[in-house]
C-alpha atoms as a PDB file:
ATOM      1  CA  UNK A   1      22.190   4.925  -8.857  1.00  0.00           C
ATOM      2  CA  UNK A   2      20.196   6.338 -11.746  1.00  0.00           C
ATOM      3  CA  UNK A   3      19.879   4.063 -14.772  1.00  0.00           C
ATOM      4  CA  UNK A   4      18.296   4.529 -18.187  1.00  0.00           C
ATOM      5  CA  UNK A   5      14.632   3.406 -18.058  1.00  0.00           C
ATOM      6  CA  UNK A   6      14.779   2.480 -21.748  1.00  0.00           C
ATOM      7  CA  UNK A   7      17.773   0.117 -21.830  1.00  0.00           C
ATOM      8  CA  UNK A   8      18.878  -0.182 -18.192  1.00  0.00           C
ATOM      9  CA  UNK A   9      22.366   1.245 -18.777  1.00  0.00           C
ATOM     10  CA  UNK A  10      24.101   3.220 -16.037  1.00  0.00           C
ATOM     11  CA  UNK A  11      26.252   5.012 -18.633  1.00  0.00           C
ATOM     12  CA  UNK A  12      24.322   8.277 -18.632  1.00  0.00           C
ATOM     13  CA  UNK A  13      25.035  12.003 -18.581  1.00  0.00           C
ATOM     14  CA  UNK A  14      23.028  15.079 -17.704  1.00  0.00           C
ATOM     15  CA  UNK A  15      21.225  16.767 -20.583  1.00  0.00           C
ATOM     16  CA  UNK A  16      20.034  20.343 -20.951  1.00  0.00           C
ATOM     17  CA  UNK A  17      16.283  20.845 -20.474  1.00  0.00           C
ATOM     18  CA  UNK A  18      14.466  22.113 -23.554  1.00  0.00           C
ATOM     19  CA  UNK A  19      12.191  25.122 -23.078  1.00  0.00           C
ATOM     20  CA  UNK A  20       8.997  23.224 -23.897  1.00  0.00           C
ATOM     21  CA  UNK A  21       9.739  20.361 -21.504  1.00  0.00           C
ATOM     22  CA  UNK A  22       8.001  20.134 -18.147  1.00  0.00           C
ATOM     23  CA  UNK A  23       9.306  18.505 -14.984  1.00  0.00           C
ATOM     24  CA  UNK A  24       5.893  18.067 -13.323  1.00  0.00           C
ATOM     25  CA  UNK A  25       6.108  17.594  -9.537  1.00  0.00           C
ATOM     26  CA  UNK A  26       9.409  15.712  -9.346  1.00  0.00           C
ATOM     27  CA  UNK A  27      11.849  16.793  -6.597  1.00  0.00           C
ATOM     28  CA  UNK A  28      15.290  17.866  -7.938  1.00  0.00           C
ATOM     29  CA  UNK A  29      14.330  17.257 -11.603  1.00  0.00           C
ATOM     30  CA  UNK A  30      17.076  16.771 -14.170  1.00  0.00           C
ATOM     31  CA  UNK A  31      17.141  15.489 -17.735  1.00  0.00           C
ATOM     32  CA  UNK A  32      19.596  12.719 -18.619  1.00  0.00           C
ATOM     33  CA  UNK A  33      20.798  11.245 -21.901  1.00  0.00           C
ATOM     34  CA  UNK A  34      21.850   7.601 -22.138  1.00  0.00           C
ATOM     35  CA  UNK A  35      25.170   7.090 -23.912  1.00  0.00           C
ATOM     36  CA  UNK A  36      24.116   3.550 -24.872  1.00  0.00           C
ATOM     37  CA  UNK A  37      20.711   4.031 -26.519  1.00  0.00           C
ATOM     38  CA  UNK A  38      20.993   7.858 -26.902  1.00  0.00           C
ATOM     39  CA  UNK A  39      17.505   8.396 -25.469  1.00  0.00           C
ATOM     40  CA  UNK A  40      16.674  11.207 -23.036  1.00  0.00           C
ATOM     41  CA  UNK A  41      14.663  10.780 -19.845  1.00  0.00           C
ATOM     42  CA  UNK A  42      13.603  12.766 -16.791  1.00  0.00           C
ATOM     43  CA  UNK A  43      15.145  11.697 -13.504  1.00  0.00           C
ATOM     44  CA  UNK A  44      16.037  12.930 -10.014  1.00  0.00           C
ATOM     45  CA  UNK A  45      19.323  14.698  -9.278  1.00  0.00           C
ATOM     46  CA  UNK A  46      20.337  12.786  -6.152  1.00  0.00           C
ATOM     47  CA  UNK A  47      23.753  14.477  -6.167  1.00  0.00           C
ATOM     48  CA  UNK A  48      22.081  17.850  -5.717  1.00  0.00           C
ATOM     49  CA  UNK A  49      19.811  16.413  -3.043  1.00  0.00           C
ATOM     50  CA  UNK A  50      22.826  15.023  -1.219  1.00  0.00           C
ATOM     51  CA  UNK A  51      24.439  18.440  -0.741  1.00  0.00           C
ATOM     52  CA  UNK A  52      21.954  19.624   1.870  1.00  0.00           C
ATOM     53  CA  UNK A  53      24.211  18.986   4.888  1.00  0.00           C
ATOM     54  CA  UNK A  54      26.838  21.336   3.482  1.00  0.00           C
ATOM     55  CA  UNK A  55      24.382  24.121   2.792  1.00  0.00           C
ATOM     56  CA  UNK A  56      24.687  23.988  -1.023  1.00  0.00           C
ATOM     57  CA  UNK A  57      21.466  24.608  -2.956  1.00  0.00           C
ATOM     58  CA  UNK A  58      19.966  26.170   0.155  1.00  0.00           C
ATOM     59  CA  UNK A  59      16.400  25.237   0.937  1.00  0.00           C
ATOM     60  CA  UNK A  60      15.869  22.855  -1.988  1.00  0.00           C
ATOM     61  CA  UNK A  61      16.062  19.535  -0.159  1.00  0.00           C
ATOM     62  CA  UNK A  62      13.275  19.998   2.340  1.00  0.00           C
ATOM     63  CA  UNK A  63      11.103  21.714  -0.258  1.00  0.00           C
ATOM     64  CA  UNK A  64      11.747  18.871  -2.684  1.00  0.00           C
ATOM     65  CA  UNK A  65      10.959  16.241  -0.074  1.00  0.00           C
ATOM     66  CA  UNK A  66       7.816  18.108   0.899  1.00  0.00           C
ATOM     67  CA  UNK A  67       6.614  18.207  -2.725  1.00  0.00           C
ATOM     68  CA  UNK A  68       7.389  14.531  -3.164  1.00  0.00           C
ATOM     69  CA  UNK A  69       5.971  13.262   0.093  1.00  0.00           C
ATOM     70  CA  UNK A  70       3.068  15.563   0.960  1.00  0.00           C
ATOM     71  CA  UNK A  71      -0.382  15.053  -0.569  1.00  0.00           C
ATOM     72  CA  UNK A  72      -1.332  16.812  -3.810  1.00  0.00           C
ATOM     73  CA  UNK A  73      -1.236  20.572  -3.498  1.00  0.00           C
ATOM     74  CA  UNK A  74       1.334  20.496  -0.694  1.00  0.00           C
ATOM     75  CA  UNK A  75      -1.232  20.145   2.069  1.00  0.00           C
ATOM     76  CA  UNK A  76      -0.487  18.036   5.117  1.00  0.00           C
ATOM     77  CA  UNK A  77      -3.128  16.811   7.505  1.00  0.00           C
ATOM     78  CA  UNK A  78      -2.473  16.932  11.246  1.00  0.00           C
ATOM     79  CA  UNK A  79      -4.412  17.021  14.509  1.00  0.00           C
ATOM     80  CA  UNK A  80      -6.791  19.126  16.545  1.00  0.00           C
ATOM     81  CA  UNK A  81      -7.706  18.536  20.159  1.00  0.00           C
ATOM     82  CA  UNK A  82     -11.157  17.200  19.266  1.00  0.00           C
ATOM     83  CA  UNK A  83     -11.385  13.499  20.222  1.00  0.00           C
ATOM     84  CA  UNK A  84     -12.932  10.979  17.856  1.00  0.00           C
ATOM     85  CA  UNK A  85     -16.291   9.875  19.226  1.00  0.00           C
ATOM     86  CA  UNK A  86     -16.271   6.304  20.516  1.00  0.00           C
ATOM     87  CA  UNK A  87     -12.457   6.083  20.686  1.00  0.00           C
ATOM     88  CA  UNK A  88      -9.991   6.914  23.483  1.00  0.00           C
ATOM     89  CA  UNK A  89      -9.577  10.624  24.126  1.00  0.00           C
ATOM     90  CA  UNK A  90      -5.946  10.484  22.943  1.00  0.00           C
ATOM     91  CA  UNK A  91      -7.128   9.804  19.361  1.00  0.00           C
ATOM     92  CA  UNK A  92      -7.728  13.062  17.498  1.00  0.00           C
ATOM     93  CA  UNK A  93      -9.519  14.235  14.406  1.00  0.00           C
ATOM     94  CA  UNK A  94      -7.445  15.389  11.422  1.00  0.00           C
ATOM     95  CA  UNK A  95      -7.060  19.055  10.536  1.00  0.00           C
ATOM     96  CA  UNK A  96      -4.547  21.024   8.495  1.00  0.00           C
ATOM     97  CA  UNK A  97      -1.056  20.857   9.972  1.00  0.00           C
ATOM     98  CA  UNK A  98      -0.180  23.895   7.899  1.00  0.00           C
ATOM     99  CA  UNK A  99      -2.315  25.835  10.392  1.00  0.00           C
ATOM    100  CA  UNK A 100      -0.040  24.590  13.188  1.00  0.00           C
ATOM    101  CA  UNK A 101       3.482  25.755  13.927  1.00  0.00           C
ATOM    102  CA  UNK A 102       5.925  26.024  16.780  1.00  0.00           C
ATOM    103  CA  UNK A 103       4.614  24.780  20.094  1.00  0.00           C
ATOM    104  CA  UNK A 104       1.166  23.943  18.672  1.00  0.00           C
ATOM    105  CA  UNK A 105       2.724  21.634  16.084  1.00  0.00           C
ATOM    106  CA  UNK A 106       4.994  20.027  18.675  1.00  0.00           C
ATOM    107  CA  UNK A 107       2.050  19.568  21.033  1.00  0.00           C
ATOM    108  CA  UNK A 108       0.081  17.796  18.297  1.00  0.00           C
ATOM    109  CA  UNK A 109       3.090  15.584  17.583  1.00  0.00           C
ATOM    110  CA  UNK A 110       3.497  14.766  21.265  1.00  0.00           C
ATOM    111  CA  UNK A 111      -0.194  13.835  21.437  1.00  0.00           C
ATOM    112  CA  UNK A 112       0.671  11.106  18.941  1.00  0.00           C
ATOM    113  CA  UNK A 113      -0.673  12.489  15.657  1.00  0.00           C
ATOM    114  CA  UNK A 114       1.415  10.918  12.842  1.00  0.00           C
ATOM    115  CA  UNK A 115       0.905  13.778  10.369  1.00  0.00           C
ATOM    116  CA  UNK A 116       2.044  16.358  12.917  1.00  0.00           C
ATOM    117  CA  UNK A 117       5.032  14.139  13.728  1.00  0.00           C
ATOM    118  CA  UNK A 118       5.903  13.987  10.032  1.00  0.00           C
ATOM    119  CA  UNK A 119       5.577  17.779   9.631  1.00  0.00           C
ATOM    120  CA  UNK A 120       7.675  18.405  12.746  1.00  0.00           C
ATOM    121  CA  UNK A 121      10.316  16.046  11.379  1.00  0.00           C
ATOM    122  CA  UNK A 122      10.434  18.053   8.137  1.00  0.00           C
ATOM    123  CA  UNK A 123      10.808  21.299  10.087  1.00  0.00           C
ATOM    124  CA  UNK A 124      13.693  19.792  12.062  1.00  0.00           C
ATOM    125  CA  UNK A 125      15.283  18.480   8.872  1.00  0.00           C
ATOM    126  CA  UNK A 126      15.249  22.034   7.525  1.00  0.00           C
ATOM    127  CA  UNK A 127      16.798  23.271  10.773  1.00  0.00           C
ATOM    128  CA  UNK A 128      19.518  20.618  10.552  1.00  0.00           C
ATOM    129  CA  UNK A 129      20.347  21.718   7.022  1.00  0.00           C
ATOM    130  CA  UNK A 130      20.819  25.259   8.307  1.00  0.00           C
ATOM    131  CA  UNK A 131      22.778  24.448  11.486  1.00  0.00           C
ATOM    132  CA  UNK A 132      24.390  21.053  10.925  1.00  0.00           C
ATOM    133  CA  UNK A 133      23.640  20.156  14.555  1.00  0.00           C
ATOM    134  CA  UNK A 134      23.514  16.316  14.734  1.00  0.00           C
ATOM    135  CA  UNK A 135      21.167  16.503  17.718  1.00  0.00           C
ATOM    136  CA  UNK A 136      18.588  18.195  15.497  1.00  0.00           C
ATOM    137  CA  UNK A 137      18.932  15.426  12.922  1.00  0.00           C
ATOM    138  CA  UNK A 138      18.536  12.819  15.660  1.00  0.00           C
ATOM    139  CA  UNK A 139      15.318  14.490  16.816  1.00  0.00           C
ATOM    140  CA  UNK A 140      14.017  14.681  13.243  1.00  0.00           C
ATOM    141  CA  UNK A 141      14.656  10.952  12.827  1.00  0.00           C
ATOM    142  CA  UNK A 142      12.864  10.270  16.105  1.00  0.00           C
ATOM    143  CA  UNK A 143       9.710  12.012  14.846  1.00  0.00           C
ATOM    144  CA  UNK A 144       9.904  10.417  11.405  1.00  0.00           C
ATOM    145  CA  UNK A 145      10.218   6.997  13.027  1.00  0.00           C
ATOM    146  CA  UNK A 146       7.309   7.710  15.364  1.00  0.00           C
ATOM    147  CA  UNK A 147       5.132   8.660  12.386  1.00  0.00           C
ATOM    148  CA  UNK A 148       6.411   5.720  10.352  1.00  0.00           C
ATOM    149  CA  UNK A 149       5.661   3.235  13.130  1.00  0.00           C
ATOM    150  CA  UNK A 150       2.132   4.667  13.129  1.00  0.00           C
ATOM    151  CA  UNK A 151       1.977   3.718   9.406  1.00  0.00           C
ATOM    152  CA  UNK A 152       2.467   7.191   7.950  1.00  0.00           C
ATOM    153  CA  UNK A 153       3.566   6.230   4.417  1.00  0.00           C
ATOM    154  CA  UNK A 154       5.344   9.528   3.688  1.00  0.00           C
ATOM    155  CA  UNK A 155       7.599   9.129   6.724  1.00  0.00           C
ATOM    156  CA  UNK A 156       8.216   5.498   5.780  1.00  0.00           C
ATOM    157  CA  UNK A 157       9.231   6.540   2.262  1.00  0.00           C
ATOM    158  CA  UNK A 158      11.439   9.344   3.559  1.00  0.00           C
ATOM    159  CA  UNK A 159      13.207   7.001   6.002  1.00  0.00           C
ATOM    160  CA  UNK A 160      13.813   4.538   3.183  1.00  0.00           C
ATOM    161  CA  UNK A 161      15.421   7.280   1.093  1.00  0.00           C
ATOM    162  CA  UNK A 162      17.582   8.496   3.982  1.00  0.00           C
ATOM    163  CA  UNK A 163      18.864   4.993   4.731  1.00  0.00           C
ATOM    164  CA  UNK A 164      19.402   4.129   1.060  1.00  0.00           C
ATOM    165  CA  UNK A 165      21.456   7.259   0.447  1.00  0.00           C
ATOM    166  CA  UNK A 166      23.103   7.497   3.878  1.00  0.00           C
ATOM    167  CA  UNK A 167      22.019  11.073   4.523  1.00  0.00           C
ATOM    168  CA  UNK A 168      22.028  11.924   8.211  1.00  0.00           C
ATOM    169  CA  UNK A 169      22.156   8.208   9.053  1.00  0.00           C
ATOM    170  CA  UNK A 170      24.531   5.320   8.406  1.00  0.00           C
ATOM    171  CA  UNK A 171      23.831   3.941   4.926  1.00  0.00           C
ATOM    172  CA  UNK A 172      21.895   0.701   5.425  1.00  0.00           C
ATOM    173  CA  UNK A 173      20.302  -0.957   2.390  1.00  0.00           C
ATOM    174  CA  UNK A 174      18.441  -3.576   4.443  1.00  0.00           C
ATOM    175  CA  UNK A 175      16.859  -0.871   6.590  1.00  0.00           C
ATOM    176  CA  UNK A 176      16.038   1.131   3.453  1.00  0.00           C
ATOM    177  CA  UNK A 177      14.325  -1.879   1.875  1.00  0.00           C
ATOM    178  CA  UNK A 178      12.380  -2.498   5.086  1.00  0.00           C
ATOM    179  CA  UNK A 179      10.959   1.033   5.139  1.00  0.00           C
ATOM    180  CA  UNK A 180      10.307   1.059   1.397  1.00  0.00           C
ATOM    181  CA  UNK A 181       8.345  -2.177   1.782  1.00  0.00           C
ATOM    182  CA  UNK A 182       6.216  -0.752   4.579  1.00  0.00           C
ATOM    183  CA  UNK A 183       5.526   2.408   2.575  1.00  0.00           C
ATOM    184  CA  UNK A 184       4.756   0.322  -0.526  1.00  0.00           C
ATOM    185  CA  UNK A 185       2.318  -1.820   1.441  1.00  0.00           C
ATOM    186  CA  UNK A 186       0.617   1.426   2.474  1.00  0.00           C
ATOM    187  CA  UNK A 187       0.172   2.455  -1.160  1.00  0.00           C
ATOM    188  CA  UNK A 188       3.147   4.754  -1.870  1.00  0.00           C
ATOM    189  CA  UNK A 189       3.956   4.340  -5.578  1.00  0.00           C
ATOM    190  CA  UNK A 190       7.458   5.815  -5.290  1.00  0.00           C
ATOM    191  CA  UNK A 191       8.281   3.287  -2.564  1.00  0.00           C
ATOM    192  CA  UNK A 192       7.029   0.488  -4.830  1.00  0.00           C
ATOM    193  CA  UNK A 193       9.361   1.764  -7.547  1.00  0.00           C
ATOM    194  CA  UNK A 194      12.380   1.983  -5.226  1.00  0.00           C
ATOM    195  CA  UNK A 195      11.649  -1.465  -3.776  1.00  0.00           C
ATOM    196  CA  UNK A 196      11.460  -2.887  -7.287  1.00  0.00           C
ATOM    197  CA  UNK A 197      14.849  -1.386  -8.149  1.00  0.00           C
ATOM    198  CA  UNK A 198      16.375  -2.842  -4.991  1.00  0.00           C
ATOM    199  CA  UNK A 199      14.959  -6.297  -5.746  1.00  0.00           C
ATOM    200  CA  UNK A 200      16.303  -6.049  -9.288  1.00  0.00           C
ATOM    201  CA  UNK A 201      19.795  -5.122  -8.089  1.00  0.00           C
ATOM    202  CA  UNK A 202      19.835  -7.371  -5.016  1.00  0.00           C
ATOM    203  CA  UNK A 203      20.528  -4.340  -2.847  1.00  0.00           C
ATOM    204  CA  UNK A 204      19.169  -4.654   0.683  1.00  0.00           C
ATOM    205  CA  UNK A 205      17.272  -7.838  -0.143  1.00  0.00           C
ATOM    206  CA  UNK A 206      17.763 -10.985  -2.186  1.00  0.00           C
ATOM    207  CA  UNK A 207      17.985 -10.405  -5.934  1.00  0.00           C
ATOM    208  CA  UNK A 208      14.686 -11.543  -7.426  1.00  0.00           C
ATOM    209  CA  UNK A 209      13.619 -10.381 -10.877  1.00  0.00           C
ATOM    210  CA  UNK A 210      10.071 -11.692 -10.480  1.00  0.00           C
ATOM    211  CA  UNK A 211       9.696  -9.720  -7.246  1.00  0.00           C
ATOM    212  CA  UNK A 212      11.229  -6.693  -8.961  1.00  0.00           C
ATOM    213  CA  UNK A 213       8.714  -7.039 -11.803  1.00  0.00           C
ATOM    214  CA  UNK A 214       5.836  -7.240  -9.310  1.00  0.00           C
ATOM    215  CA  UNK A 215       6.727  -4.001  -7.521  1.00  0.00           C
ATOM    216  CA  UNK A 216       7.589  -2.136 -10.715  1.00  0.00           C
ATOM    217  CA  UNK A 217       4.286  -3.302 -12.198  1.00  0.00           C
ATOM    218  CA  UNK A 218       2.403  -1.988  -9.168  1.00  0.00           C
ATOM    219  CA  UNK A 219       4.365   1.279  -9.186  1.00  0.00           C
ATOM    220  CA  UNK A 220       3.549   1.865 -12.855  1.00  0.00           C
ATOM    221  CA  UNK A 221      -0.130   1.158 -12.204  1.00  0.00           C
ATOM    222  CA  UNK A 222      -0.131   3.630  -9.296  1.00  0.00           C
ATOM    223  CA  UNK A 223       1.439   6.462 -11.309  1.00  0.00           C
ATOM    224  CA  UNK A 224       5.227   6.246 -10.795  1.00  0.00           C
ATOM    225  CA  UNK A 225       6.276   7.594 -14.191  1.00  0.00           C
ATOM    226  CA  UNK A 226       9.712   5.941 -14.349  1.00  0.00           C
ATOM    227  CA  UNK A 227       8.443   2.492 -13.396  1.00  0.00           C
ATOM    228  CA  UNK A 228       6.858   1.466 -16.706  1.00  0.00           C
ATOM    229  CA  UNK A 229      10.067   1.477 -18.749  1.00  0.00           C
ATOM    230  CA  UNK A 230      12.007  -0.227 -15.953  1.00  0.00           C
ATOM    231  CA  UNK A 231       9.266  -2.867 -15.619  1.00  0.00           C
ATOM    232  CA  UNK A 232       9.512  -3.627 -19.338  1.00  0.00           C
ATOM    233  CA  UNK A 233      13.294  -3.968 -19.099  1.00  0.00           C
ATOM    234  CA  UNK A 234      12.887  -6.502 -16.285  1.00  0.00           C
ATOM    235  CA  UNK A 235      10.092  -8.324 -18.108  1.00  0.00           C
ATOM    236  CA  UNK A 236      12.410  -8.996 -21.036  1.00  0.00           C
ATOM    237  CA  UNK A 237      14.689 -10.916 -18.658  1.00  0.00           C
ATOM    238  CA  UNK A 238      11.893 -13.240 -17.488  1.00  0.00           C
ATOM    239  CA  UNK A 239      10.505 -16.447 -18.921  1.00  0.00           C
ATOM    240  CA  UNK A 240       6.794 -16.365 -19.924  1.00  0.00           C
ATOM    241  CA  UNK A 241       5.776 -18.438 -16.904  1.00  0.00           C
ATOM    242  CA  UNK A 242       7.639 -16.022 -14.618  1.00  0.00           C
ATOM    243  CA  UNK A 243       5.802 -13.081 -16.160  1.00  0.00           C
ATOM    244  CA  UNK A 244       2.497 -14.886 -15.594  1.00  0.00           C
ATOM    245  CA  UNK A 245       3.414 -15.538 -11.952  1.00  0.00           C
ATOM    246  CA  UNK A 246       4.464 -11.915 -11.492  1.00  0.00           C
ATOM    247  CA  UNK A 247       1.222 -10.611 -12.952  1.00  0.00           C
ATOM    248  CA  UNK A 248      -0.818 -12.939 -10.739  1.00  0.00           C
ATOM    249  CA  UNK A 249       0.991 -11.626  -7.662  1.00  0.00           C
ATOM    250  CA  UNK A 250       0.642  -8.039  -8.896  1.00  0.00           C
ATOM    251  CA  UNK A 251      -3.136  -8.430  -9.143  1.00  0.00           C
ATOM    252  CA  UNK A 252      -3.279  -9.988  -5.684  1.00  0.00           C
ATOM    253  CA  UNK A 253      -1.280  -7.165  -4.100  1.00  0.00           C
ATOM    254  CA  UNK A 254      -3.180  -4.475  -6.019  1.00  0.00           C
ATOM    255  CA  UNK A 255      -6.437  -5.731  -4.494  1.00  0.00           C
ATOM    256  CA  UNK A 256      -4.929  -5.760  -1.007  1.00  0.00           C
ATOM    257  CA  UNK A 257      -2.807  -2.598  -0.925  1.00  0.00           C
ATOM    258  CA  UNK A 258      -4.752   0.623  -0.232  1.00  0.00           C
ATOM    259  CA  UNK A 259      -4.563   3.714  -2.390  1.00  0.00           C
ATOM    260  CA  UNK A 260      -2.126   6.325  -1.142  1.00  0.00           C
ATOM    261  CA  UNK A 261      -3.569   9.696  -0.038  1.00  0.00           C
ATOM    262  CA  UNK A 262      -4.634  11.678  -3.080  1.00  0.00           C
ATOM    263  CA  UNK A 263      -4.955   8.667  -5.384  1.00  0.00           C
ATOM    264  CA  UNK A 264      -8.209   7.677  -6.988  1.00  0.00           C
ATOM    265  CA  UNK A 265      -9.674   6.032 -10.025  1.00  0.00           C
ATOM    266  CA  UNK A 266     -10.575   2.483 -10.921  1.00  0.00           C
ATOM    267  CA  UNK A 267      -8.861  -0.444  -9.268  1.00  0.00           C
END
């Protein structure tokens, strides 16, 4: 559920986008206005995203997920047949998965390349949107899970979103939190943000405002634009010693958690 990042209220409505306003690289962007504090903010239209199974807003869901989950510029890395020197021959060097399609992409996925598995899953997700065949969705999930188990953070984030929203799978908040945590521990800022929201609400894991503050703090530091205001709302609910403990844990995790693909800058 979308809430106001300024005051935390769920009493919001959609607002018309002004001509000068930009939506950056957010999937399904929509402007909201909070009825409580009257402030406007940019969010994600999850209702629009949820219509993909019925064929409404054709093509937007997979494109939106691709923009959100692929590296900057929309490029996805996959596999060639060249083995990495000094490692087993089944381990392959990365190359652009956008150069692979059809049987070549499937072959790379079957060789065990996580990026090819993720790309194949996206292709199957698009096919499921067009056909509604549950077997196609089941195969897409199989490839996403294969990539996620190989620590592909984009597949982990996508699985978390599917389980949280119950799209193509049974809604399962605990499973969503589990995948968000794995993606967050692999550096995905959006997963950190979603995990923080779940800890704040007690959805899928025990309600813990200090833990929520930690993940929202990390998400804000890693570039999740909505996380800063939500972090501040949570901080106001904490005692000073809890804030200190949360910041200590944030620093510890920030040193340990790697940067997601495409991130850079000082740590």
